[in-house]
Amino acid sequence: QVRLVESGGGLVQAGGSLSLSCAASGSVLRLGAMGWYRQAPGKQRELVAYKTVMGSTDYGDAVKGRITISVDDVEKTGFLLMNSLKPEDTAVYYCNAILTPLSTEIPDNYWGQGTQVTVSS
C-alpha cells in the first residue's frame, strides 16, 4: 500500500530551527511533487512549501525566506528545513505528494499522518 511516512517535528524555542522529512513507502512508480501544508487550531490548512520534480517551487507567504524544501525523486523523499521559527509557526504539518503507484500507474494525491511542530516563546 502506498503511503507517506513523516518524521521530525517536536518542540523548539522561538528563533530555533527544525527539520521535517517525508518518505513515500510501498510500490511507487513515480514521484511528481512533494510538499508540506500546516494547520493550526481553528485555522484553515495552508501551504508551507511545495516542489515539483520538474523544479518548480512554491513557498507560503508566512514562511518565505525562512524555509527550504528539497525533494529527491529517485529516493522519493522530501526534506523541509525551517529556520527562525516563531510561535505562530505552531501547527500540525502534513506532508503531501503526487505519487504514481506501480499497481495503477495513475498519479494520485497522498497525505501523510501529520506531525506536530510547537514553537515556544
Protein backbone atom coordinates (compact mmCIF):
# COMPACT_ATOMS: atom_id res chain seq x y z
CA GLN A 1 0.00 0.00 0.00
CA VAL A 2 1.39 3.38 -0.98
CA ARG A 3 1.63 5.93 1.80
CA LEU A 4 3.69 8.83 3.09
CA VAL A 5 5.70 8.45 6.27
CA GLU A 6 6.64 11.61 8.11
CA SER A 7 9.34 12.20 10.72
CA GLY A 8 10.77 15.14 12.58
CA GLY A 9 8.93 17.94 14.29
CA GLY A 10 8.64 18.47 18.00
CA LEU A 11 9.19 21.35 20.39
CA VAL A 12 11.60 24.20 19.70
CA GLN A 13 12.18 27.67 21.11
CA ALA A 14 11.42 30.76 19.08
CA GLY A 15 14.32 31.58 16.80
CA GLY A 16 15.37 27.96 16.56
CA SER A 17 15.41 25.53 13.68
CA LEU A 18 13.62 22.30 12.95
CA SER A 19 13.51 19.84 10.08
CA LEU A 20 10.82 17.56 8.73
CA SER A 21 11.22 14.55 6.48
CA CYS A 22 8.76 12.66 4.35
CA ALA A 23 9.21 9.40 2.51
CA ALA A 24 6.96 7.53 0.15
CA SER A 25 6.61 3.87 1.04
CA GLY A 26 5.15 0.97 -0.89
CA SER A 27 5.44 0.24 -4.58
CA VAL A 28 5.74 3.70 -6.08
CA LEU A 29 6.46 4.09 -9.74
CA ARG A 30 6.96 7.82 -9.78
CA LEU A 31 7.03 10.93 -7.61
CA GLY A 32 5.60 14.00 -9.26
CA ALA A 33 5.75 16.55 -6.46
CA MET A 34 6.06 16.79 -2.70
CA GLY A 35 5.43 19.45 -0.13
CA TRP A 36 4.04 20.41 3.25
CA TYR A 37 0.92 22.12 4.45
CA ARG A 38 0.13 23.08 8.02
CA GLN A 39 -2.94 23.58 10.11
CA ALA A 40 -3.12 25.43 13.39
CA PRO A 41 -6.08 25.04 15.77
CA GLY A 42 -9.08 26.96 14.48
CA LYS A 43 -7.39 27.84 11.20
CA GLN A 44 -7.53 26.54 7.66
CA ARG A 45 -4.81 24.36 6.25
CA GLU A 46 -2.22 26.49 4.47
CA LEU A 47 0.72 25.95 2.15
CA VAL A 48 4.17 25.80 3.68
CA ALA A 49 6.28 24.69 0.72
CA TYR A 50 5.81 22.61 -2.40
CA LYS A 51 8.24 21.40 -5.03
CA THR A 52 7.72 19.51 -8.27
CA VAL A 53 10.30 17.15 -9.73
CA MET A 54 10.45 19.48 -12.73
CA GLY A 55 11.94 22.09 -10.39
CA SER A 56 9.03 24.42 -9.67
CA THR A 57 8.96 25.58 -6.03
CA ASP A 58 6.31 27.48 -4.12
CA TYR A 59 6.50 28.82 -0.56
CA GLY A 60 3.72 30.11 1.64
CA ASP A 61 3.83 33.84 2.30
CA ALA A 62 4.11 33.31 6.04
CA VAL A 63 7.33 31.30 5.76
CA LYS A 64 9.16 32.77 2.75
CA GLY A 65 12.81 33.37 3.47
CA ARG A 66 12.82 31.06 6.50
CA ILE A 67 12.17 27.67 4.92
CA THR A 68 13.96 25.47 2.41
CA ILE A 69 12.46 22.44 0.72
CA SER A 70 14.29 19.71 -1.14
CA VAL A 71 12.86 16.71 -2.95
CA ASP A 72 14.61 13.59 -4.22
CA ASP A 73 12.58 12.00 -6.98
CA VAL A 74 14.81 8.93 -7.07
CA GLU A 75 14.57 8.18 -3.35
CA LYS A 76 11.01 9.59 -3.29
CA THR A 77 11.74 11.62 -0.19
CA GLY A 78 11.40 15.22 0.84
CA PHE A 79 13.09 17.39 3.42
CA LEU A 80 11.93 20.66 4.95
CA LEU A 81 14.30 22.87 6.91
CA MET A 82 12.68 25.60 8.98
CA ASN A 83 14.74 28.43 10.46
CA SER A 84 13.94 31.43 12.63
CA LEU A 85 10.82 29.74 13.91
CA LYS A 86 8.09 31.83 15.50
CA PRO A 87 5.30 30.85 17.91
CA GLU A 88 2.83 31.40 15.09
CA ASP A 89 4.51 28.55 13.21
CA THR A 90 2.99 26.17 15.75
CA ALA A 91 0.76 23.74 13.86
CA VAL A 92 0.37 20.20 12.63
CA TYR A 93 2.45 19.84 9.49
CA TYR A 94 1.23 17.48 6.78
CA CYS A 95 3.32 16.03 4.00
CA ASN A 96 1.58 15.96 0.63
CA ALA A 97 2.73 14.30 -2.57
CA ILE A 98 1.67 13.30 -6.04
CA LEU A 99 2.60 9.65 -6.38
CA THR A 100 2.05 7.12 -9.12
CA PRO A 101 1.57 3.65 -7.65
CA LEU A 102 3.04 0.76 -9.55
CA SER A 103 -0.29 -1.05 -9.29
CA THR A 104 -2.35 1.58 -11.11
CA GLU A 105 0.18 3.71 -12.99
CA ILE A 106 -2.20 6.61 -12.32
CA PRO A 107 -0.96 9.66 -10.37
CA ASP A 108 -2.85 10.37 -7.19
CA ASN A 109 -2.69 12.78 -4.29
CA TYR A 110 -1.46 11.46 -0.93
CA TRP A 111 -1.25 12.88 2.59
CA GLY A 112 0.96 11.96 5.50
CA GLN A 113 -0.34 11.43 9.00
CA GLY A 114 0.82 14.84 10.19
CA THR A 115 3.46 15.82 12.72
CA GLN A 116 3.21 18.42 15.47
CA VAL A 117 5.54 21.40 15.49
CA THR A 118 5.39 23.58 18.59
CA VAL A 119 7.37 26.80 18.91
CA SER A 120 7.61 28.23 22.41
CA SER A 121 8.09 31.94 23.05
